Protein backbone atom coordinates (compact mmCIF):
# COMPACT_ATOMS: atom_id res chain seq x y z
CA MET A 1 -16.34 -17.53 -8.41
CA GLU A 2 -19.06 -15.56 -10.22
CA PRO A 3 -19.37 -11.83 -9.50
CA GLU A 4 -22.70 -10.54 -8.24
CA ALA A 5 -24.61 -7.89 -10.17
CA GLY A 6 -22.74 -4.58 -10.11
CA SER A 7 -19.55 -4.35 -8.08
CA ARG A 8 -18.42 -6.93 -5.63
CA TYR A 9 -15.59 -6.46 -3.19
CA ILE A 10 -13.73 -9.62 -2.25
CA ALA A 11 -11.10 -9.66 0.50
CA THR A 12 -8.42 -12.11 -0.55
CA MET A 13 -6.04 -11.84 2.36
CA ALA A 14 -6.40 -14.74 4.78
CA ALA A 15 -4.69 -14.60 8.16
CA ALA A 16 -1.72 -16.53 6.77
CA LYS A 17 -1.12 -14.03 3.96
CA VAL A 18 1.71 -11.55 4.17
CA LYS A 19 0.31 -8.03 4.48
CA THR A 20 3.55 -6.15 3.99
CA VAL A 21 4.06 -7.01 0.31
CA THR A 22 3.77 -3.81 -1.73
CA LEU A 23 3.65 -2.98 -5.44
CA ASP A 24 6.67 -0.66 -5.44
CA HIS A 25 6.82 0.63 -9.02
CA VAL A 26 6.22 -0.09 -12.70
CA ALA A 27 9.13 0.09 -15.16
CA CYS A 28 9.21 0.81 -18.91
CA GLY A 29 12.06 0.22 -21.34
CA VAL A 30 12.86 3.19 -23.61
CA PRO A 31 15.66 4.09 -26.05
CA SER A 32 16.28 7.42 -24.31
CA ILE A 33 15.37 8.54 -20.80
CA SER A 34 16.16 12.17 -21.53
CA ALA A 35 13.55 12.19 -24.32
CA ALA A 36 10.84 11.44 -21.72
CA ILE A 37 11.68 14.35 -19.39
CA PRO A 38 9.53 16.98 -21.16
CA LEU A 39 6.45 14.76 -20.77
CA LEU A 40 7.22 13.60 -17.22
CA GLU A 41 8.47 16.79 -15.61
CA GLY A 42 6.87 19.31 -17.95
CA THR A 43 3.40 18.09 -18.92
CA LEU A 44 2.68 15.61 -16.11
CA ARG A 45 4.62 17.58 -13.46
CA THR A 46 6.18 14.53 -11.78
CA ARG A 47 9.04 14.71 -9.24
CA PRO A 48 12.45 13.05 -9.76
CA HIS A 49 12.95 10.25 -7.21
CA ARG A 50 16.12 8.20 -7.68
CA ARG A 51 18.41 7.07 -10.47
CA GLY A 52 21.38 4.78 -10.90
CA PRO A 53 23.57 2.86 -13.33
CA SER A 54 24.00 -0.85 -14.01
CA PRO A 55 26.32 -2.70 -16.39
CA GLU A 56 23.39 -3.31 -18.78
CA PHE A 57 21.09 -0.33 -18.24
CA PHE A 58 20.62 3.11 -16.78
CA ALA A 59 17.45 3.69 -14.74
CA ALA A 60 15.60 6.64 -13.29
CA GLN A 61 12.37 6.92 -11.31
CA TRP A 62 9.82 9.71 -11.11
CA ALA A 63 7.08 10.07 -8.46
CA PHE A 64 3.61 11.22 -9.44
CA GLU A 65 1.04 12.95 -7.26
CA GLY A 66 0.09 10.39 -4.61
CA ASP A 67 3.61 8.87 -4.78
CA GLY A 68 2.99 6.28 -7.49
CA ARG A 69 6.38 5.71 -9.16
CA LEU A 70 7.34 5.06 -12.76
CA GLU A 71 10.81 3.79 -13.64
CA LEU A 72 12.42 4.18 -17.06
CA LEU A 73 15.18 1.83 -18.26
CA GLU A 74 17.61 2.79 -21.01
CA PRO A 75 20.07 0.25 -22.44
CA ALA A 76 23.74 0.68 -21.57
CA GLY A 77 26.90 -1.25 -22.35
CA PRO A 78 27.53 -3.32 -25.48
CA GLU A 79 24.80 -4.66 -27.72
CA GLY A 80 23.30 -7.91 -26.48
CA GLY A 81 22.25 -6.84 -22.99
CA PHE A 82 18.71 -7.60 -21.86
CA MET A 83 17.45 -4.05 -22.46
CA HIS A 84 18.94 -4.02 -25.97
CA ARG A 85 17.17 -7.33 -26.65
CA PHE A 86 13.90 -6.05 -25.18
CA LEU A 87 13.83 -2.96 -27.39
CA GLN A 88 14.93 -4.85 -30.48
CA SER A 89 12.25 -7.52 -30.10
CA ARG A 90 9.35 -5.49 -28.73
CA GLY A 91 10.15 -1.81 -28.97
CA ALA A 92 9.63 0.63 -26.12
CA GLY A 93 7.09 -0.60 -23.61
CA VAL A 94 6.25 -1.75 -20.10
CA HIS A 95 8.99 -4.10 -18.93
CA HIS A 96 8.30 -5.10 -15.32
CA ALA A 97 6.51 -4.50 -12.05
CA THR A 98 8.50 -4.65 -8.81
CA PHE A 99 7.06 -5.98 -5.56
CA LYS A 100 8.87 -5.34 -2.30
CA VAL A 101 8.61 -8.40 -0.04
CA PRO A 102 9.66 -8.88 3.60
CA ASP A 103 11.20 -12.33 2.95
CA LEU A 104 12.45 -13.34 -0.50
CA HIS A 105 12.65 -17.05 0.34
CA ALA A 106 9.01 -17.00 1.47
CA ALA A 107 8.03 -15.07 -1.67
CA ARG A 108 9.71 -17.70 -3.85
CA ALA A 109 7.93 -20.48 -1.97
CA ARG A 110 4.54 -18.76 -2.42
CA ALA A 111 5.10 -18.31 -6.15
CA GLN A 112 6.15 -21.93 -6.59
CA ALA A 113 3.21 -23.16 -4.53
CA ALA A 114 0.90 -21.16 -6.81
CA GLY A 115 2.39 -22.95 -9.84
CA PHE A 116 4.86 -20.35 -11.14
CA GLU A 117 8.51 -20.93 -11.99
CA VAL A 118 10.94 -18.58 -10.26
CA ILE A 119 14.06 -17.53 -12.15
CA GLY A 120 17.08 -15.36 -11.38
CA PHE A 121 16.99 -15.96 -7.63
CA ASN A 122 19.84 -14.01 -6.04
CA ASP A 123 20.22 -13.43 -2.29
CA ALA A 124 23.97 -12.72 -2.33
CA ASN A 125 23.56 -9.00 -1.61
CA PRO A 126 22.01 -8.49 1.86
CA GLY A 127 20.86 -5.00 0.87
CA TRP A 128 18.97 -6.13 -2.24
CA LYS A 129 17.78 -9.70 -2.82
CA GLU A 130 15.65 -10.48 -5.86
CA CYS A 131 13.99 -13.07 -8.05
CA PHE A 132 11.69 -12.98 -11.07
CA LEU A 133 8.73 -14.57 -12.79
CA HIS A 134 9.14 -14.90 -16.56
CA PRO A 135 6.62 -12.97 -18.71
CA LYS A 136 5.61 -16.18 -20.50
CA GLN A 137 4.20 -17.35 -17.18
CA ALA A 138 3.25 -13.97 -15.77
CA MET A 139 0.91 -13.03 -18.62
CA GLY A 140 3.26 -10.83 -20.60
CA LEU A 141 4.93 -8.99 -17.74
CA VAL A 142 8.25 -9.50 -15.96
CA VAL A 143 7.51 -9.72 -12.23
CA GLN A 144 10.36 -8.76 -9.91
CA MET A 145 10.18 -9.63 -6.22
CA ALA A 146 12.77 -7.87 -4.07
CA GLU A 147 13.75 -7.84 -0.42
CA SER A 148 15.67 -4.70 0.50
CA ASP A 149 17.42 -3.64 3.68
CA PRO A 150 18.27 0.09 3.66
CA ASP A 151 20.61 -0.35 6.61
CA VAL A 152 23.02 -2.45 4.54
CA ASP A 153 22.06 -1.31 1.04
CA SER A 154 25.20 -0.58 -0.99
CA SER A 155 23.21 0.60 -4.00
CA THR A 156 24.59 3.33 -6.22
CA TRP A 157 21.07 4.69 -6.73
CA LEU A 158 20.87 8.32 -5.64
CA GLU A 159 18.29 11.08 -5.49
CA PHE A 160 18.45 13.61 -8.31
CA GLY A 161 16.99 17.00 -9.05
CA PRO A 162 14.56 18.10 -11.75
CA THR A 163 15.68 19.03 -15.22
CA LEU A 164 12.68 21.30 -15.80
CA GLU A 165 11.29 23.87 -13.41
CA ARG A 166 7.89 22.93 -12.03
CA PRO A 167 5.32 25.71 -12.53
CA GLY A 168 4.54 26.99 -9.03
CA ASP A 169 2.46 24.77 -6.78
CA ALA A 170 0.31 23.36 -9.56
CA PRO A 171 -0.66 19.71 -8.88
CA GLY A 172 0.72 16.96 -11.07
CA ALA A 173 -0.84 13.89 -12.61
CA THR A 174 -1.65 10.87 -10.42
CA PHE A 175 -0.31 7.45 -11.45
CA LEU A 176 -3.09 5.00 -10.55
CA GLY A 177 -1.59 1.76 -11.80
CA LEU A 178 -1.09 -0.66 -14.67
CA ARG A 179 -3.81 -2.11 -16.90
CA LEU A 180 -3.22 -5.63 -18.24
CA ALA A 181 -4.96 -7.90 -20.75
CA VAL A 182 -5.26 -11.53 -19.62
CA ARG A 183 -6.97 -14.66 -20.89
CA SER A 184 -8.11 -15.87 -17.47
CA LEU A 185 -9.11 -13.97 -14.35
CA GLU A 186 -8.60 -17.16 -12.37
CA THR A 187 -4.94 -17.36 -13.44
CA ALA A 188 -4.54 -13.65 -12.76
CA THR A 189 -5.95 -14.13 -9.26
CA ARG A 190 -3.56 -17.01 -8.66
CA LEU A 191 -0.65 -14.81 -9.76
CA TRP A 192 -1.51 -11.48 -8.12
CA GLY A 193 -3.63 -12.75 -5.23
CA GLU A 194 -1.59 -15.77 -4.16
CA ALA A 195 1.95 -15.43 -5.53
CA ALA A 196 2.12 -11.62 -5.24
CA CYS A 197 -0.03 -11.49 -2.09
CA ALA A 198 -2.55 -8.79 -3.02
CA ALA A 199 -4.28 -7.33 0.00
CA SER A 200 -7.63 -7.24 -1.80
CA VAL A 201 -9.26 -7.73 -5.18
CA ARG A 202 -12.42 -6.11 -6.49
CA ARG A 203 -14.16 -7.95 -9.35
CA GLU A 204 -16.48 -6.33 -11.86
CA GLY A 205 -17.63 -8.69 -14.60
CA GLY A 206 -14.60 -9.61 -16.70
CA GLU A 207 -12.29 -7.21 -14.87
CA ALA A 208 -10.44 -7.28 -11.55
CA PHE A 209 -8.58 -4.65 -9.52
CA PHE A 210 -5.72 -5.86 -7.30
CA ASN A 211 -4.47 -3.66 -4.46
CA TRP A 212 -1.63 -3.85 -1.95
CA ASP A 213 -1.42 -2.26 1.48
CA ASP A 214 0.79 0.85 1.60
CA SER A 215 0.97 1.04 -2.20
CA PRO A 216 -0.78 3.73 -4.28
CA LEU A 217 -0.69 1.54 -7.40
CA THR A 218 -3.34 -0.90 -8.60
CA LEU A 219 -3.19 -3.69 -11.18
CA HIS A 220 -6.31 -3.48 -13.34
CA VAL A 221 -6.77 -6.80 -15.15
CA VAL A 222 -9.11 -7.19 -18.13
CA GLU A 223 -10.10 -10.66 -19.35
CA THR A 224 -10.13 -10.41 -23.16
CA ASP A 225 -9.19 -12.15 -26.41
CA GLU A 226 -8.98 -8.85 -28.27
CA TYR A 227 -5.37 -8.09 -27.28
CA PRO A 228 -2.27 -10.20 -26.59
CA GLU A 229 -1.71 -10.90 -22.91
CA GLY A 230 0.30 -8.16 -21.30
CA PRO A 231 0.29 -4.45 -20.48
CA LEU A 232 -2.30 -2.22 -22.12
CA GLY A 233 -1.12 1.05 -20.59
CA LEU A 234 -0.63 3.18 -17.51
CA GLU A 235 -3.76 4.50 -15.82
CA VAL A 236 -3.42 8.14 -14.76
CA ARG A 237 -5.68 10.89 -13.48
CA LEU A 238 -5.07 14.45 -14.64
CA PRO A 239 -5.75 17.50 -12.46
CA ASN A 240 -8.09 20.20 -13.69
CA GLY A 241 -6.57 22.17 -16.53
CA MET A 242 -3.93 19.60 -17.53
CA ARG A 243 -4.05 18.50 -21.16
CA LEU A 244 -1.97 16.05 -23.15
CA GLU A 245 -0.84 17.04 -26.62
CA GLN A 246 -0.63 13.45 -27.81
CA ASN A 247 -1.68 10.02 -26.64
CA PRO A 248 -0.05 7.57 -26.61
CA PRO A 249 3.15 9.47 -25.75
CA PRO A 250 5.96 7.39 -27.27
CA SER A 251 8.70 8.83 -25.06
CA ILE A 252 7.75 6.80 -21.95
CA GLY A 253 7.07 3.60 -23.87
CA ALA A 254 3.45 3.16 -22.76
CA ARG A 255 0.00 4.53 -23.44
CA LEU A 256 -1.48 6.83 -20.85
CA LEU A 257 -5.04 5.73 -20.08
CA ILE A 258 -6.81 8.77 -18.66
CA GLN A 259 -9.17 7.97 -15.80
CA PRO A 260 -11.85 10.24 -14.31
């Protein structure tokens, strides 16, 4: 499908598509979560959301202006866990994107029908069922699909308070979404439009913007041979008067791509 001159908006959701799939958050792997707090709570003025432990990692989420959420993962437990391996092989960086789905079995079937292999399928916990697409198939990004039921959720994740005091009522930065390099927009559309059930996609030349209902985050896909397939950075918008001392900020494991 060739884009028309200028911008073209293409609705990709047919009647049979599931409209309640949402892009819940983006997660980065880092050596130290505490090292990122000055940037997140101080400079960007984000709000702590939830945090919790796991045998292999410790995780914490912060909400930006507009409620876009970033999760940081820090390795825990003995060497050899998946976060230890991730940092040893790739260094700090974007690890995964999580999609909340209303039916995990249906989500698996959609992904398989679109030609993607589903791994790590686990529906044993009625409060949190999940499966994944491997980054080798998902263009350099781990894709997590999760079905959650808060009424039976036995998660140890809890809300937590800020470490740094937020300066008055000053607005914080807005997390717009994740920018990705891909080799093929057609494959990207099959992944995000069909398997991940995007509500809409806007195409502009060699770029595409995937959106989900009830989610503030967008996946911005760039068709290019200049970079390896995978995340290029986190797109953010800064309020008037906010300045960054350095970019990229290594503490959160991803470049911040400032948008107007």
